[in-house]
Every structure is written in C-alpha cells, then in structure tokens.
Amino acid sequence: MPDGQLLARVAEQELVVIRPTVEGDPILTYYRASPGVDGIEVMSDNTADRFRGEDFDYQVCTSIDATQLTTGCRDA
C-alpha cells in the first residue's frame, strides 16, 4: 500500500453519538473528519424517531464545541 493511502486512512476519524428523544427513540449523530473536507461533517440519522419521520441531515461545520456541539455549520 502506498504511503499516501495509509495516511488518508489514518487521517479520517469518525465519532458516533447515540442519544434518545424524549420518547426514547435513538438519534444517531456521526461526526467525521476526512481529508479534503474543509471542516467537520455532521450527519444526523433521525429515521428511528417515530414522530419526526424518516429524515437524514447532513452539514459541514467549521468547529465543534462540547457545550453547543456544532457551530459555524452550513447545509451540504
């Protein structure tokens, strides 16, 4: 494997956070840092939420703050 491919594989990181809605339905949020992406990709999977419907949000954020979770986001 060429060194560049190994570096690209190591550089991509993903965090998955599962939090429940008030009713207890799981909402999965993926935070991903990837080479070639200017910011952090944030993908929220709301498909298991019985009251919100089938929904999948995707944004790119310039920063992540532990208290606010996302800042400087734009829909992508």
PDB file of N, CA and C in Angstrom:
ATOM      1  N   MET A   1       0.854  -1.175   0.000  1.00  0.00           N
ATOM      2  CA  MET A   1       0.000   0.000   0.000  1.00  0.00           C
ATOM      3  C   MET A   1       0.901   1.239   0.000  1.00  0.00           C
ATOM      4  N   PRO A   2       0.706   2.176  -0.941  1.00  0.00           N
ATOM      5  CA  PRO A   2       1.492   3.398  -0.960  1.00  0.00           C
ATOM      6  C   PRO A   2       1.272   4.204   0.316  1.00  0.00           C
ATOM      7  N   ASP A   3       2.319   4.930   0.747  1.00  0.00           N
ATOM      8  CA  ASP A   3       2.239   5.714   1.983  1.00  0.00           C
ATOM      9  C   ASP A   3       1.082   6.697   1.984  1.00  0.00           C
ATOM     10  N   GLY A   4       0.761   7.314   0.868  1.00  0.00           N
ATOM     11  CA  GLY A   4      -0.332   8.278   0.785  1.00  0.00           C
ATOM     12  C   GLY A   4      -1.677   7.655   1.132  1.00  0.00           C
ATOM     13  N   GLN A   5      -1.903   6.434   0.700  1.00  0.00           N
ATOM     14  CA  GLN A   5      -3.162   5.754   1.014  1.00  0.00           C
ATOM     15  C   GLN A   5      -3.258   5.446   2.503  1.00  0.00           C
ATOM     16  N   LEU A   6      -2.163   5.047   3.110  1.00  0.00           N
ATOM     17  CA  LEU A   6      -2.153   4.760   4.533  1.00  0.00           C
ATOM     18  C   LEU A   6      -2.440   6.035   5.323  1.00  0.00           C
ATOM     19  N   LEU A   7      -1.825   7.146   4.949  1.00  0.00           N
ATOM     20  CA  LEU A   7      -2.047   8.420   5.626  1.00  0.00           C
ATOM     21  C   LEU A   7      -3.514   8.830   5.519  1.00  0.00           C
ATOM     22  N   ALA A   8      -4.120   8.660   4.349  1.00  0.00           N
ATOM     23  CA  ALA A   8      -5.523   9.032   4.173  1.00  0.00           C
ATOM     24  C   ALA A   8      -6.425   8.166   5.056  1.00  0.00           C
ATOM     25  N   ARG A   9      -6.102   6.908   5.205  1.00  0.00           N
ATOM     26  CA  ARG A   9      -6.922   6.037   6.046  1.00  0.00           C
ATOM     27  C   ARG A   9      -6.789   6.419   7.517  1.00  0.00           C
ATOM     28  N   VAL A  10      -5.604   6.781   7.948  1.00  0.00           N
ATOM     29  CA  VAL A  10      -5.377   7.151   9.340  1.00  0.00           C
ATOM     30  C   VAL A  10      -5.995   8.519   9.632  1.00  0.00           C
ATOM     31  N   ALA A  11      -5.976   9.426   8.656  1.00  0.00           N
ATOM     32  CA  ALA A  11      -6.438  10.783   8.879  1.00  0.00           C
ATOM     33  C   ALA A  11      -7.956  10.874   9.030  1.00  0.00           C
ATOM     34  N   GLU A  12      -8.725   9.941   8.471  1.00  0.00           N
ATOM     35  CA  GLU A  12     -10.176  10.001   8.600  1.00  0.00           C
ATOM     36  C   GLU A  12     -10.593   9.441   9.950  1.00  0.00           C
ATOM     37  N   GLN A  13     -11.344  10.234  10.689  1.00  0.00           N
ATOM     38  CA  GLN A  13     -11.817   9.822  12.009  1.00  0.00           C
ATOM     39  C   GLN A  13     -13.326  10.014  12.087  1.00  0.00           C
ATOM     40  N   GLU A  14     -14.014   9.148  12.819  1.00  0.00           N
ATOM     41  CA  GLU A  14     -15.462   9.269  12.961  1.00  0.00           C
ATOM     42  C   GLU A  14     -15.864   8.955  14.395  1.00  0.00           C
ATOM     43  N   LEU A  15     -16.785   9.750  14.900  1.00  0.00           N
ATOM     44  CA  LEU A  15     -17.370   9.552  16.219  1.00  0.00           C
ATOM     45  C   LEU A  15     -18.870   9.401  16.034  1.00  0.00           C
ATOM     46  N   VAL A  16     -19.458   8.387  16.649  1.00  0.00           N
ATOM     47  CA  VAL A  16     -20.899   8.174  16.576  1.00  0.00           C
ATOM     48  C   VAL A  16     -21.479   8.398  17.974  1.00  0.00           C
ATOM     49  N   VAL A  17     -22.461   9.300  18.056  1.00  0.00           N
ATOM     50  CA  VAL A  17     -23.123   9.592  19.324  1.00  0.00           C
ATOM     51  C   VAL A  17     -24.584   9.183  19.188  1.00  0.00           C
ATOM     52  N   ILE A  18     -25.065   8.385  20.129  1.00  0.00           N
ATOM     53  CA  ILE A  18     -26.460   7.965  20.142  1.00  0.00           C
ATOM     54  C   ILE A  18     -27.120   8.613  21.352  1.00  0.00           C
ATOM     55  N   ARG A  19     -28.182   9.372  21.082  1.00  0.00           N
ATOM     56  CA  ARG A  19     -28.920   9.994  22.178  1.00  0.00           C
ATOM     57  C   ARG A  19     -30.406   9.780  21.934  1.00  0.00           C
ATOM     58  N   PRO A  20     -31.170   9.613  23.013  1.00  0.00           N
ATOM     59  CA  PRO A  20     -32.594   9.340  22.841  1.00  0.00           C
ATOM     60  C   PRO A  20     -33.415  10.625  22.715  1.00  0.00           C
ATOM     61  N   THR A  21     -34.543  10.515  22.024  1.00  0.00           N
ATOM     62  CA  THR A  21     -35.534  11.591  22.023  1.00  0.00           C
ATOM     63  C   THR A  21     -36.268  11.532  23.360  1.00  0.00           C
ATOM     64  N   VAL A  22     -37.170  12.466  23.588  1.00  0.00           N
ATOM     65  CA  VAL A  22     -37.978  12.463  24.812  1.00  0.00           C
ATOM     66  C   VAL A  22     -38.745  11.144  24.934  1.00  0.00           C
ATOM     67  N   GLU A  23     -39.191  10.613  23.802  1.00  0.00           N
ATOM     68  CA  GLU A  23     -39.955   9.358  23.791  1.00  0.00           C
ATOM     69  C   GLU A  23     -39.061   8.119  23.881  1.00  0.00           C
ATOM     70  N   GLY A  24     -37.739   8.302  23.794  1.00  0.00           N
ATOM     71  CA  GLY A  24     -36.813   7.181  23.891  1.00  0.00           C
ATOM     72  C   GLY A  24     -36.308   6.637  22.575  1.00  0.00           C
ATOM     73  N   ASP A  25     -36.693   7.253  21.453  1.00  0.00           N
ATOM     74  CA  ASP A  25     -36.208   6.792  20.149  1.00  0.00           C
ATOM     75  C   ASP A  25     -34.747   7.216  19.959  1.00  0.00           C
ATOM     76  N   PRO A  26     -33.897   6.350  19.410  1.00  0.00           N
ATOM     77  CA  PRO A  26     -32.488   6.694  19.243  1.00  0.00           C
ATOM     78  C   PRO A  26     -32.247   7.634  18.050  1.00  0.00           C
ATOM     79  N   ILE A  27     -31.448   8.665  18.277  1.00  0.00           N
ATOM     80  CA  ILE A  27     -30.976   9.557  17.218  1.00  0.00           C
ATOM     81  C   ILE A  27     -29.466   9.349  17.129  1.00  0.00           C
ATOM     82  N   LEU A  28     -28.993   8.944  15.965  1.00  0.00           N
ATOM     83  CA  LEU A  28     -27.561   8.727  15.754  1.00  0.00           C
ATOM     84  C   LEU A  28     -26.975   9.949  15.075  1.00  0.00           C
ATOM     85  N   THR A  29     -25.894  10.470  15.627  1.00  0.00           N
ATOM     86  CA  THR A  29     -25.194  11.593  15.014  1.00  0.00           C
ATOM     87  C   THR A  29     -23.750  11.166  14.778  1.00  0.00           C
ATOM     88  N   TYR A  30     -23.317  11.324  13.537  1.00  0.00           N
ATOM     89  CA  TYR A  30     -21.961  10.972  13.127  1.00  0.00           C
ATOM     90  C   TYR A  30     -21.165  12.256  12.945  1.00  0.00           C
ATOM     91  N   TYR A  31     -19.997  12.333  13.568  1.00  0.00           N
ATOM     92  CA  TYR A  31     -19.071  13.446  13.388  1.00  0.00           C
ATOM     93  C   TYR A  31     -17.860  12.875  12.674  1.00  0.00           C
ATOM     94  N   ARG A  32     -17.540  13.406  11.490  1.00  0.00           N
ATOM     95  CA  ARG A  32     -16.464  12.826  10.692  1.00  0.00           C
ATOM     96  C   ARG A  32     -15.487  13.900  10.233  1.00  0.00           C
ATOM     97  N   ALA A  33     -14.207  13.625  10.438  1.00  0.00           N
ATOM     98  CA  ALA A  33     -13.127  14.452   9.902  1.00  0.00           C
ATOM     99  C   ALA A  33     -12.475  13.651   8.792  1.00  0.00           C
ATOM    100  N   SER A  34     -12.451  14.208   7.590  1.00  0.00           N
ATOM    101  CA  SER A  34     -11.921  13.496   6.436  1.00  0.00           C
ATOM    102  C   SER A  34     -10.944  14.377   5.676  1.00  0.00           C
ATOM    103  N   PRO A  35      -9.944  13.773   5.058  1.00  0.00           N
ATOM    104  CA  PRO A  35      -9.059  14.539   4.194  1.00  0.00           C
ATOM    105  C   PRO A  35      -9.863  15.143   3.047  1.00  0.00           C
ATOM    106  N   GLY A  36      -9.569  16.370   2.697  1.00  0.00           N
ATOM    107  CA  GLY A  36     -10.238  17.016   1.573  1.00  0.00           C
ATOM    108  C   GLY A  36     -11.553  17.682   1.934  1.00  0.00           C
ATOM    109  N   VAL A  37     -11.997  17.594   3.182  1.00  0.00           N
ATOM    110  CA  VAL A  37     -13.234  18.248   3.621  1.00  0.00           C
ATOM    111  C   VAL A  37     -12.840  19.426   4.505  1.00  0.00           C
ATOM    112  N   ASP A  38     -13.328  20.608   4.168  1.00  0.00           N
ATOM    113  CA  ASP A  38     -12.990  21.821   4.919  1.00  0.00           C
ATOM    114  C   ASP A  38     -13.936  21.964   6.103  1.00  0.00           C
ATOM    115  N   GLY A  39     -13.657  21.245   7.184  1.00  0.00           N
ATOM    116  CA  GLY A  39     -14.494  21.277   8.371  1.00  0.00           C
ATOM    117  C   GLY A  39     -14.820  19.866   8.843  1.00  0.00           C
ATOM    118  N   ILE A  40     -15.813  19.777   9.710  1.00  0.00           N
ATOM    119  CA  ILE A  40     -16.262  18.510  10.258  1.00  0.00           C
ATOM    120  C   ILE A  40     -17.624  18.177   9.656  1.00  0.00           C
ATOM    121  N   GLU A  41     -17.755  16.995   9.089  1.00  0.00           N
ATOM    122  CA  GLU A  41     -19.050  16.553   8.575  1.00  0.00           C
ATOM    123  C   GLU A  41     -19.901  16.090   9.750  1.00  0.00           C
ATOM    124  N   VAL A  42     -21.151  16.539   9.806  1.00  0.00           N
ATOM    125  CA  VAL A  42     -22.081  16.129  10.856  1.00  0.00           C
ATOM    126  C   VAL A  42     -23.317  15.559  10.175  1.00  0.00           C
ATOM    127  N   MET A  43     -23.589  14.293  10.442  1.00  0.00           N
ATOM    128  CA  MET A  43     -24.727  13.618   9.835  1.00  0.00           C
ATOM    129  C   MET A  43     -25.624  13.101  10.951  1.00  0.00           C
ATOM    130  N   SER A  44     -26.883  13.515  10.954  1.00  0.00           N
ATOM    131  CA  SER A  44     -27.841  13.071  11.967  1.00  0.00           C
ATOM    132  C   SER A  44     -28.864  12.153  11.317  1.00  0.00           C
ATOM    133  N   ASP A  45     -28.971  10.955  11.875  1.00  0.00           N
ATOM    134  CA  ASP A  45     -29.915   9.957  11.381  1.00  0.00           C
ATOM    135  C   ASP A  45     -31.132   9.945  12.303  1.00  0.00           C
ATOM    136  N   ASN A  46     -32.219  10.537  11.834  1.00  0.00           N
ATOM    137  CA  ASN A  46     -33.453  10.630  12.612  1.00  0.00           C
ATOM    138  C   ASN A  46     -34.484   9.587  12.193  1.00  0.00           C
ATOM    139  N   THR A  47     -34.078   8.596  11.423  1.00  0.00           N
ATOM    140  CA  THR A  47     -35.045   7.658  10.842  1.00  0.00           C
ATOM    141  C   THR A  47     -35.760   6.803  11.883  1.00  0.00           C
ATOM    142  N   ALA A  48     -35.172   6.627  13.062  1.00  0.00           N
ATOM    143  CA  ALA A  48     -35.829   5.820  14.099  1.00  0.00           C
ATOM    144  C   ALA A  48     -36.785   6.642  14.960  1.00  0.00           C
ATOM    145  N   ASP A  49     -36.837   7.954  14.738  1.00  0.00           N
ATOM    146  CA  ASP A  49     -37.729   8.829  15.510  1.00  0.00           C
ATOM    147  C   ASP A  49     -39.154   8.684  14.980  1.00  0.00           C
ATOM    148  N   ARG A  50     -40.020   8.114  15.785  1.00  0.00           N
ATOM    149  CA  ARG A  50     -41.399   7.849  15.349  1.00  0.00           C
ATOM    150  C   ARG A  50     -42.174   9.121  15.019  1.00  0.00           C
ATOM    151  N   PHE A  51     -41.823  10.248  15.632  1.00  0.00           N
ATOM    152  CA  PHE A  51     -42.606  11.467  15.445  1.00  0.00           C
ATOM    153  C   PHE A  51     -42.001  12.433  14.433  1.00  0.00           C
ATOM    154  N   ARG A  52     -40.735  12.308  14.141  1.00  0.00           N
ATOM    155  CA  ARG A  52     -40.097  13.212  13.178  1.00  0.00           C
ATOM    156  C   ARG A  52     -40.180  12.671  11.751  1.00  0.00           C
ATOM    157  N   GLY A  53     -40.289  11.395  11.620  1.00  0.00           N
ATOM    158  CA  GLY A  53     -40.346  10.811  10.290  1.00  0.00           C
ATOM    159  C   GLY A  53     -38.964  10.434   9.808  1.00  0.00           C
ATOM    160  N   GLU A  54     -38.907   9.910   8.599  1.00  0.00           N
ATOM    161  CA  GLU A  54     -37.623   9.498   8.038  1.00  0.00           C
ATOM    162  C   GLU A  54     -36.868  10.714   7.555  1.00  0.00           C
ATOM    163  N   ASP A  55     -35.740  10.960   8.183  1.00  0.00           N
ATOM    164  CA  ASP A  55     -35.008  12.195   7.952  1.00  0.00           C
ATOM    165  C   ASP A  55     -33.526  11.938   8.196  1.00  0.00           C
ATOM    166  N   PHE A  56     -32.693  12.488   7.347  1.00  0.00           N
ATOM    167  CA  PHE A  56     -31.250  12.366   7.493  1.00  0.00           C
ATOM    168  C   PHE A  56     -30.643  13.723   7.170  1.00  0.00           C
ATOM    169  N   ASP A  57     -30.058  14.392   8.165  1.00  0.00           N
ATOM    170  CA  ASP A  57     -29.477  15.722   7.974  1.00  0.00           C
ATOM    171  C   ASP A  57     -27.973  15.605   7.743  1.00  0.00           C
ATOM    172  N   TYR A  58     -27.451  16.465   6.880  1.00  0.00           N
ATOM    173  CA  TYR A  58     -26.006  16.490   6.596  1.00  0.00           C
ATOM    174  C   TYR A  58     -25.544  17.937   6.576  1.00  0.00           C
ATOM    175  N   GLN A  59     -24.529  18.235   7.377  1.00  0.00           N
ATOM    176  CA  GLN A  59     -23.946  19.577   7.422  1.00  0.00           C
ATOM    177  C   GLN A  59     -22.434  19.459   7.474  1.00  0.00           C
ATOM    178  N   VAL A  60     -21.761  20.552   7.104  1.00  0.00           N
ATOM    179  CA  VAL A  60     -20.327  20.663   7.303  1.00  0.00           C
ATOM    180  C   VAL A  60     -20.121  21.840   8.249  1.00  0.00           C
ATOM    181  N   CYS A  61     -19.409  21.612   9.352  1.00  0.00           N
ATOM    182  CA  CYS A  61     -19.225  22.624  10.389  1.00  0.00           C
ATOM    183  C   CYS A  61     -17.762  23.029  10.479  1.00  0.00           C
ATOM    184  N   THR A  62     -17.533  24.309  10.753  1.00  0.00           N
ATOM    185  CA  THR A  62     -16.165  24.798  10.865  1.00  0.00           C
ATOM    186  C   THR A  62     -15.533  24.449  12.197  1.00  0.00           C
ATOM    187  N   SER A  63     -16.370  24.197  13.210  1.00  0.00           N
ATOM    188  CA  SER A  63     -15.817  23.804  14.503  1.00  0.00           C
ATOM    189  C   SER A  63     -16.871  23.040  15.295  1.00  0.00           C
ATOM    190  N   ILE A  64     -16.388  22.320  16.291  1.00  0.00           N
ATOM    191  CA  ILE A  64     -17.260  21.566  17.187  1.00  0.00           C
ATOM    192  C   ILE A  64     -16.956  22.054  18.597  1.00  0.00           C
ATOM    193  N   ASP A  65     -17.997  22.371  19.351  1.00  0.00           N
ATOM    194  CA  ASP A  65     -17.863  22.857  20.721  1.00  0.00           C
ATOM    195  C   ASP A  65     -18.588  21.863  21.622  1.00  0.00           C
ATOM    196  N   ALA A  66     -17.944  21.409  22.665  1.00  0.00           N
ATOM    197  CA  ALA A  66     -18.541  20.382  23.525  1.00  0.00           C
ATOM    198  C   ALA A  66     -19.830  20.841  24.197  1.00  0.00           C
ATOM    199  N   THR A  67     -20.009  22.143  24.396  1.00  0.00           N
ATOM    200  CA  THR A  67     -21.225  22.612  25.057  1.00  0.00           C
ATOM    201  C   THR A  67     -22.357  22.867  24.078  1.00  0.00           C
ATOM    202  N   GLN A  68     -22.025  23.278  22.838  1.00  0.00           N
ATOM    203  CA  GLN A  68     -23.047  23.562  21.849  1.00  0.00           C
ATOM    204  C   GLN A  68     -23.109  22.512  20.760  1.00  0.00           C
ATOM    205  N   LEU A  69     -22.159  21.613  20.744  1.00  0.00           N
ATOM    206  CA  LEU A  69     -21.993  20.537  19.776  1.00  0.00           C
ATOM    207  C   LEU A  69     -21.551  21.032  18.404  1.00  0.00           C
ATOM    208  N   THR A  70     -22.287  21.920  17.744  1.00  0.00           N
ATOM    209  CA  THR A  70     -21.848  22.371  16.437  1.00  0.00           C
ATOM    210  C   THR A  70     -21.962  23.893  16.332  1.00  0.00           C
ATOM    211  N   THR A  71     -21.024  24.491  15.628  1.00  0.00           N
ATOM    212  CA  THR A  71     -21.048  25.926  15.356  1.00  0.00           C
ATOM    213  C   THR A  71     -20.532  26.149  13.954  1.00  0.00           C
ATOM    214  N   GLY A  72     -20.967  27.223  13.333  1.00  0.00           N
ATOM    215  CA  GLY A  72     -20.477  27.553  12.014  1.00  0.00           C
ATOM    216  C   GLY A  72     -20.836  26.532  10.958  1.00  0.00           C
ATOM    217  N   CYS A  73     -22.027  25.959  11.041  1.00  0.00           N
ATOM    218  CA  CYS A  73     -22.425  24.896  10.119  1.00  0.00           C
ATOM    219  C   CYS A  73     -23.149  25.452   8.903  1.00  0.00           C
ATOM    220  N   ARG A  74     -23.050  24.702   7.813  1.00  0.00           N
ATOM    221  CA  ARG A  74     -23.792  25.004   6.608  1.00  0.00           C
ATOM    222  C   ARG A  74     -24.329  23.696   6.062  1.00  0.00           C
ATOM    223  N   ASP A  75     -25.524  23.747   5.501  1.00  0.00           N
ATOM    224  CA  ASP A  75     -26.063  22.545   4.869  1.00  0.00           C
ATOM    225  C   ASP A  75     -25.197  22.181   3.683  1.00  0.00           C
ATOM    226  N   ALA A  76     -24.972  20.925   3.507  1.00  0.00           N
ATOM    227  CA  ALA A  76     -24.128  20.481   2.398  1.00  0.00           C
ATOM    228  C   ALA A  76     -24.899  19.538   1.513  1.00  0.00           C
TER     229      ALA A  76
END
